[in-house]
Amino acid sequence: MAVTTLAPSSADDPLAARPVSLVDLLDRVLATGVVISGDITIAIADVDLVRVSLRALVASVGALAAPEVPDRVVPLPPGSG
């Protein structure tokens, strides 16, 4: 199994200073989601010929689904039932 070491970024990030397996990293990304964006420009003699913008959202379906709100039970007023 491949192991990736993450550089420390902050003291409150529990994954900042320990080795992380690829499965753990993928599980964390899919649970929270990540946005990948980038721009590619092909130019000749400082003339832009082609520009491609990429925006991608990577997440699991469960992370994107709205949380279920339980139905509220509204009590009937006294004497109506």
Foldseek 3Di string as FASTA:
>chain_A
DDKDQADADDPPDPRHGDIDHPVRVVVVCQQAKDKDWDKDFDDDPPHTDDIDIDIDIHYHPVNVDDDDDDDDDDDDPPPPD
